[in-house]
Protein backbone atom coordinates (compact mmCIF):
# COMPACT_ATOMS: atom_id res chain seq x y z
CA UNK A 1 6.06 -13.21 -15.52
CA UNK A 2 6.97 -13.35 -11.94
CA UNK A 3 5.42 -11.21 -9.60
CA UNK A 4 7.43 -9.48 -7.25
CA UNK A 5 6.24 -8.04 -3.46
CA UNK A 6 8.23 -4.28 -3.06
CA UNK A 7 10.10 -4.77 -0.25
CA UNK A 8 9.42 -1.94 2.86
CA UNK A 9 11.45 -0.65 5.70
CA UNK A 10 11.33 0.85 8.61
CA UNK A 11 12.64 4.11 8.57
CA UNK A 12 11.98 4.49 12.96
CA UNK A 13 14.33 1.00 13.48
CA UNK A 14 17.29 3.07 11.96
CA UNK A 15 16.45 6.68 13.59
CA UNK A 16 15.29 4.97 17.12
CA UNK A 17 17.41 1.59 16.89
CA UNK A 18 20.07 0.19 18.52
CA UNK A 19 23.83 0.14 16.68
CA UNK A 20 22.12 -4.01 15.80
CA UNK A 21 18.61 -3.12 14.45
CA UNK A 22 20.16 -0.16 12.60
CA UNK A 23 22.77 -3.18 10.99
CA UNK A 24 19.58 -4.83 10.12
CA UNK A 25 18.13 -2.05 8.42
CA UNK A 26 20.57 -1.30 6.18
CA UNK A 27 20.78 -4.51 5.07
CA UNK A 28 17.59 -5.16 4.58
CA UNK A 29 17.24 -1.86 2.35
CA UNK A 30 20.81 -2.70 0.53
CA UNK A 31 19.03 -5.89 -0.51
CA UNK A 32 15.86 -4.74 -1.66
CA UNK A 33 17.78 -2.63 -4.15
CA UNK A 34 19.97 -5.05 -4.81
CA UNK A 35 16.65 -6.95 -5.90
CA UNK A 36 14.23 -5.52 -6.71
CA UNK A 37 15.63 -1.64 -7.44
CA UNK A 38 13.15 -0.29 -5.11
CA UNK A 39 12.10 -0.05 -2.26
CA UNK A 40 8.92 0.97 0.33
CA UNK A 41 9.35 3.01 3.28
CA UNK A 42 7.32 3.25 6.44
CA UNK A 43 7.68 4.96 9.80
CA UNK A 44 9.36 8.19 7.38
CA UNK A 45 7.25 11.52 8.71
CA UNK A 46 6.60 12.57 5.97
CA UNK A 47 2.24 13.33 7.21
CA UNK A 48 -0.17 11.80 5.26
CA UNK A 49 -2.30 14.70 3.85
CA UNK A 50 0.99 15.67 1.79
CA UNK A 51 1.32 13.24 0.50
CA UNK A 52 -2.46 12.79 -0.31
CA UNK A 53 -1.95 16.09 -1.85
CA UNK A 54 0.95 15.14 -3.92
CA UNK A 55 -0.87 12.75 -4.76
CA UNK A 56 -3.91 15.02 -6.23
CA UNK A 57 -1.93 17.79 -7.77
């Protein structure tokens, strides 16, 4: 079985980027969903404390 890494996208690139950076983000996001069906998102603004709480409950 072939191992694949989960692609990561930086939401900050979309939120704070210019038109070219936003287009690159959308392209990368679409490619990740098309190839893998899953994507990790960084710089999403969700506090780590909240993420940890969800995992512990």
